Structures are given as C-alpha cells and as structure tokens.
C-alpha cells in the first residue's frame, strides 16, 4: 500500500505463543530477543548499503498472555 517512491519501511512481527527460530548463519536455535536483534542489524546493514537513501525499522507486537488462565 506504500507509494511507489516510498523510502521507508517497517517490518511488524506479531507473536502469540512462545517460539524458537533457527539462526540463518549457524543453524542454532534462537529466542525472540535474538531474532529481533538479528532483524534490526540486517535492516541497518541494508540502510547503510543503500547509502542512507531509505529508512527501515523492525517492531514487535507481543500478543502472548501475560497472566495465567483462570
């Protein structure tokens, strides 16, 4: 839905249950904080590779229940 010449973007991740992911380089299982750090580092790398012509960000919407069910 962005304009054709848009120079910014946001990756929104929603999480509804506890998960683990496989690290793309080493294959090790990583948690949420490591995943977010990995994605934010990649966004910065892409921004720098394009000379700062774009802006990218990564956000997390944590939908996991905070309290136990009654």
N, C-alpha and C. Protein backbone atom coordinates (compact mmCIF):
# COMPACT_ATOMS: atom_id res chain seq x y z
N UNK A 1 0.80 -1.19 0.00
CA UNK A 1 0.00 0.00 0.00
C UNK A 1 0.85 1.27 0.00
N UNK A 2 2.15 1.12 0.04
CA UNK A 2 3.03 2.28 0.08
C UNK A 2 3.12 2.92 -1.31
N UNK A 3 3.45 4.19 -1.29
CA UNK A 3 3.65 4.89 -2.54
C UNK A 3 4.81 4.27 -3.30
N UNK A 4 4.77 4.37 -4.61
CA UNK A 4 5.79 3.74 -5.45
C UNK A 4 7.19 4.25 -5.14
N UNK A 5 7.31 5.51 -4.75
CA UNK A 5 8.63 6.08 -4.47
C UNK A 5 8.90 6.22 -2.97
N UNK A 6 8.24 5.42 -2.17
CA UNK A 6 8.43 5.46 -0.72
C UNK A 6 9.87 5.08 -0.37
N UNK A 7 10.42 5.75 0.62
CA UNK A 7 11.81 5.49 1.02
C UNK A 7 11.90 5.00 2.47
N UNK A 8 10.80 4.46 2.99
CA UNK A 8 10.84 3.94 4.36
C UNK A 8 9.98 2.69 4.44
N UNK A 9 10.28 1.86 5.43
CA UNK A 9 9.52 0.63 5.61
C UNK A 9 9.63 0.13 7.04
N UNK A 10 8.65 -0.68 7.43
CA UNK A 10 8.61 -1.22 8.77
C UNK A 10 8.21 -2.69 8.69
N UNK A 11 8.96 -3.54 9.36
CA UNK A 11 8.60 -4.94 9.50
C UNK A 11 7.95 -5.09 10.85
N UNK A 12 6.67 -5.48 10.88
CA UNK A 12 5.94 -5.68 12.12
C UNK A 12 5.79 -7.17 12.35
N UNK A 13 6.29 -7.64 13.47
CA UNK A 13 6.22 -9.05 13.82
C UNK A 13 5.22 -9.19 14.95
N UNK A 14 4.26 -10.10 14.80
CA UNK A 14 3.32 -10.39 15.88
C UNK A 14 3.63 -11.78 16.41
N UNK A 15 3.56 -11.93 17.72
CA UNK A 15 3.88 -13.19 18.35
C UNK A 15 2.77 -13.53 19.34
N UNK A 16 2.13 -14.70 19.16
CA UNK A 16 1.02 -15.09 20.01
C UNK A 16 1.38 -16.25 20.95
N UNK A 17 2.51 -16.91 20.72
CA UNK A 17 2.93 -18.01 21.60
C UNK A 17 4.45 -18.08 21.62
N UNK A 18 4.99 -18.74 22.61
CA UNK A 18 6.44 -18.89 22.72
C UNK A 18 6.96 -19.73 21.56
N UNK A 19 8.07 -19.28 20.99
CA UNK A 19 8.67 -19.97 19.85
C UNK A 19 10.18 -19.85 19.90
N UNK A 20 10.83 -20.64 19.06
CA UNK A 20 12.26 -20.56 18.79
C UNK A 20 12.44 -20.56 17.29
N UNK A 21 13.52 -19.93 16.83
CA UNK A 21 13.81 -19.84 15.40
C UNK A 21 15.21 -20.37 15.16
N UNK A 22 15.48 -20.74 13.93
CA UNK A 22 16.80 -21.22 13.55
C UNK A 22 17.60 -20.04 12.99
N UNK A 23 18.79 -19.83 13.56
CA UNK A 23 19.66 -18.74 13.09
C UNK A 23 20.08 -19.05 11.65
N UNK A 24 19.99 -18.08 10.75
CA UNK A 24 20.29 -18.35 9.34
C UNK A 24 21.75 -18.69 9.04
N UNK A 25 22.67 -18.24 9.89
CA UNK A 25 24.09 -18.48 9.62
C UNK A 25 24.61 -19.76 10.27
N UNK A 26 24.30 -19.93 11.57
CA UNK A 26 24.89 -21.06 12.29
C UNK A 26 23.91 -22.20 12.55
N UNK A 27 22.62 -21.99 12.30
CA UNK A 27 21.64 -23.05 12.49
C UNK A 27 21.23 -23.26 13.94
N UNK A 28 21.77 -22.47 14.84
CA UNK A 28 21.46 -22.60 16.26
C UNK A 28 20.06 -22.06 16.54
N UNK A 29 19.36 -22.62 17.53
CA UNK A 29 18.03 -22.15 17.92
C UNK A 29 18.18 -20.84 18.70
N UNK A 30 17.38 -19.82 18.33
CA UNK A 30 17.45 -18.53 19.00
C UNK A 30 16.06 -18.13 19.49
N UNK A 31 16.04 -17.28 20.50
CA UNK A 31 14.80 -16.79 21.07
C UNK A 31 14.38 -15.48 20.45
N UNK A 32 13.34 -14.90 21.02
CA UNK A 32 12.74 -13.69 20.47
C UNK A 32 13.71 -12.51 20.48
N UNK A 33 14.39 -12.28 21.58
CA UNK A 33 15.29 -11.12 21.65
C UNK A 33 16.42 -11.23 20.62
N UNK A 34 16.93 -12.45 20.43
CA UNK A 34 17.99 -12.65 19.43
C UNK A 34 17.45 -12.45 18.01
N UNK A 35 16.21 -12.89 17.76
CA UNK A 35 15.60 -12.71 16.44
C UNK A 35 15.43 -11.23 16.13
N UNK A 36 14.90 -10.47 17.08
CA UNK A 36 14.69 -9.03 16.86
C UNK A 36 16.03 -8.34 16.62
N UNK A 37 17.04 -8.68 17.41
CA UNK A 37 18.37 -8.08 17.23
C UNK A 37 18.92 -8.41 15.85
N UNK A 38 18.76 -9.64 15.41
CA UNK A 38 19.24 -10.08 14.10
C UNK A 38 18.55 -9.29 12.98
N UNK A 39 17.24 -9.14 13.07
CA UNK A 39 16.49 -8.42 12.04
C UNK A 39 16.82 -6.93 12.03
N UNK A 40 16.99 -6.34 13.21
CA UNK A 40 17.34 -4.92 13.27
C UNK A 40 18.74 -4.68 12.72
N UNK A 41 19.67 -5.58 13.01
CA UNK A 41 21.02 -5.46 12.45
C UNK A 41 20.98 -5.55 10.92
N UNK A 42 20.16 -6.46 10.40
CA UNK A 42 20.03 -6.60 8.94
C UNK A 42 19.41 -5.35 8.32
N UNK A 43 18.42 -4.77 8.99
CA UNK A 43 17.81 -3.54 8.49
C UNK A 43 18.84 -2.42 8.42
N UNK A 44 19.69 -2.30 9.46
CA UNK A 44 20.75 -1.29 9.46
C UNK A 44 21.75 -1.54 8.35
N UNK A 45 22.08 -2.82 8.12
CA UNK A 45 23.03 -3.17 7.06
C UNK A 45 22.48 -2.76 5.70
N UNK A 46 21.20 -3.00 5.46
CA UNK A 46 20.57 -2.64 4.19
C UNK A 46 20.54 -1.11 4.03
N UNK A 47 20.19 -0.39 5.10
CA UNK A 47 20.19 1.07 5.04
C UNK A 47 21.56 1.61 4.66
N UNK A 48 22.61 1.07 5.30
CA UNK A 48 23.97 1.53 5.03
C UNK A 48 24.41 1.16 3.63
N UNK A 49 24.02 -0.02 3.17
CA UNK A 49 24.40 -0.46 1.83
C UNK A 49 23.79 0.44 0.75
N UNK A 50 22.64 1.03 1.07
CA UNK A 50 21.98 1.92 0.12
C UNK A 50 22.30 3.38 0.39
N UNK A 51 23.31 3.62 1.19
CA UNK A 51 23.79 4.97 1.43
C UNK A 51 22.84 5.86 2.22
N UNK A 52 21.99 5.26 3.02
CA UNK A 52 21.06 6.05 3.82
C UNK A 52 19.89 6.60 3.04
N UNK A 53 19.68 6.11 1.83
CA UNK A 53 18.59 6.61 0.99
C UNK A 53 17.23 6.10 1.45
N UNK A 54 17.24 5.07 2.30
CA UNK A 54 15.99 4.52 2.82
C UNK A 54 16.07 4.41 4.34
N UNK A 55 14.92 4.23 4.97
CA UNK A 55 14.85 4.02 6.41
C UNK A 55 14.04 2.76 6.67
N UNK A 56 14.61 1.84 7.43
CA UNK A 56 13.92 0.59 7.76
C UNK A 56 13.90 0.42 9.27
N UNK A 57 12.84 -0.18 9.77
CA UNK A 57 12.74 -0.45 11.20
C UNK A 57 12.02 -1.78 11.41
N UNK A 58 12.22 -2.36 12.58
CA UNK A 58 11.60 -3.63 12.95
C UNK A 58 10.91 -3.42 14.29
N UNK A 59 9.63 -3.81 14.37
CA UNK A 59 8.87 -3.70 15.62
C UNK A 59 8.22 -5.03 15.95
N UNK A 60 8.01 -5.26 17.23
CA UNK A 60 7.38 -6.49 17.72
C UNK A 60 6.09 -6.14 18.44
N UNK A 61 5.03 -6.86 18.12
CA UNK A 61 3.77 -6.78 18.84
C UNK A 61 3.60 -8.11 19.56
N UNK A 62 3.82 -8.10 20.87
CA UNK A 62 3.78 -9.32 21.68
C UNK A 62 2.35 -9.56 22.16
N UNK A 63 1.71 -10.58 21.61
CA UNK A 63 0.33 -10.92 21.94
C UNK A 63 0.22 -12.10 22.90
N UNK A 64 1.36 -12.54 23.44
CA UNK A 64 1.33 -13.67 24.37
C UNK A 64 0.61 -13.23 25.66
N UNK A 65 -0.15 -14.14 26.27
CA UNK A 65 -0.84 -13.80 27.50
C UNK A 65 0.17 -13.50 28.62
N UNK A 66 -0.09 -12.44 29.38
CA UNK A 66 0.81 -12.08 30.47
C UNK A 66 0.43 -12.76 31.77
N UNK A 67 -0.83 -13.10 31.92
CA UNK A 67 -1.32 -13.73 33.14
C UNK A 67 -1.82 -15.14 32.82
N UNK A 68 -1.68 -16.05 33.78
CA UNK A 68 -2.19 -17.41 33.53
C UNK A 68 -3.72 -17.41 33.43
N UNK A 69 -4.24 -18.36 32.69
CA UNK A 69 -5.69 -18.50 32.56
C UNK A 69 -6.27 -18.98 33.86
N UNK A 70 -7.47 -18.51 34.17
CA UNK A 70 -8.14 -18.91 35.41
C UNK A 70 -8.99 -20.13 35.21
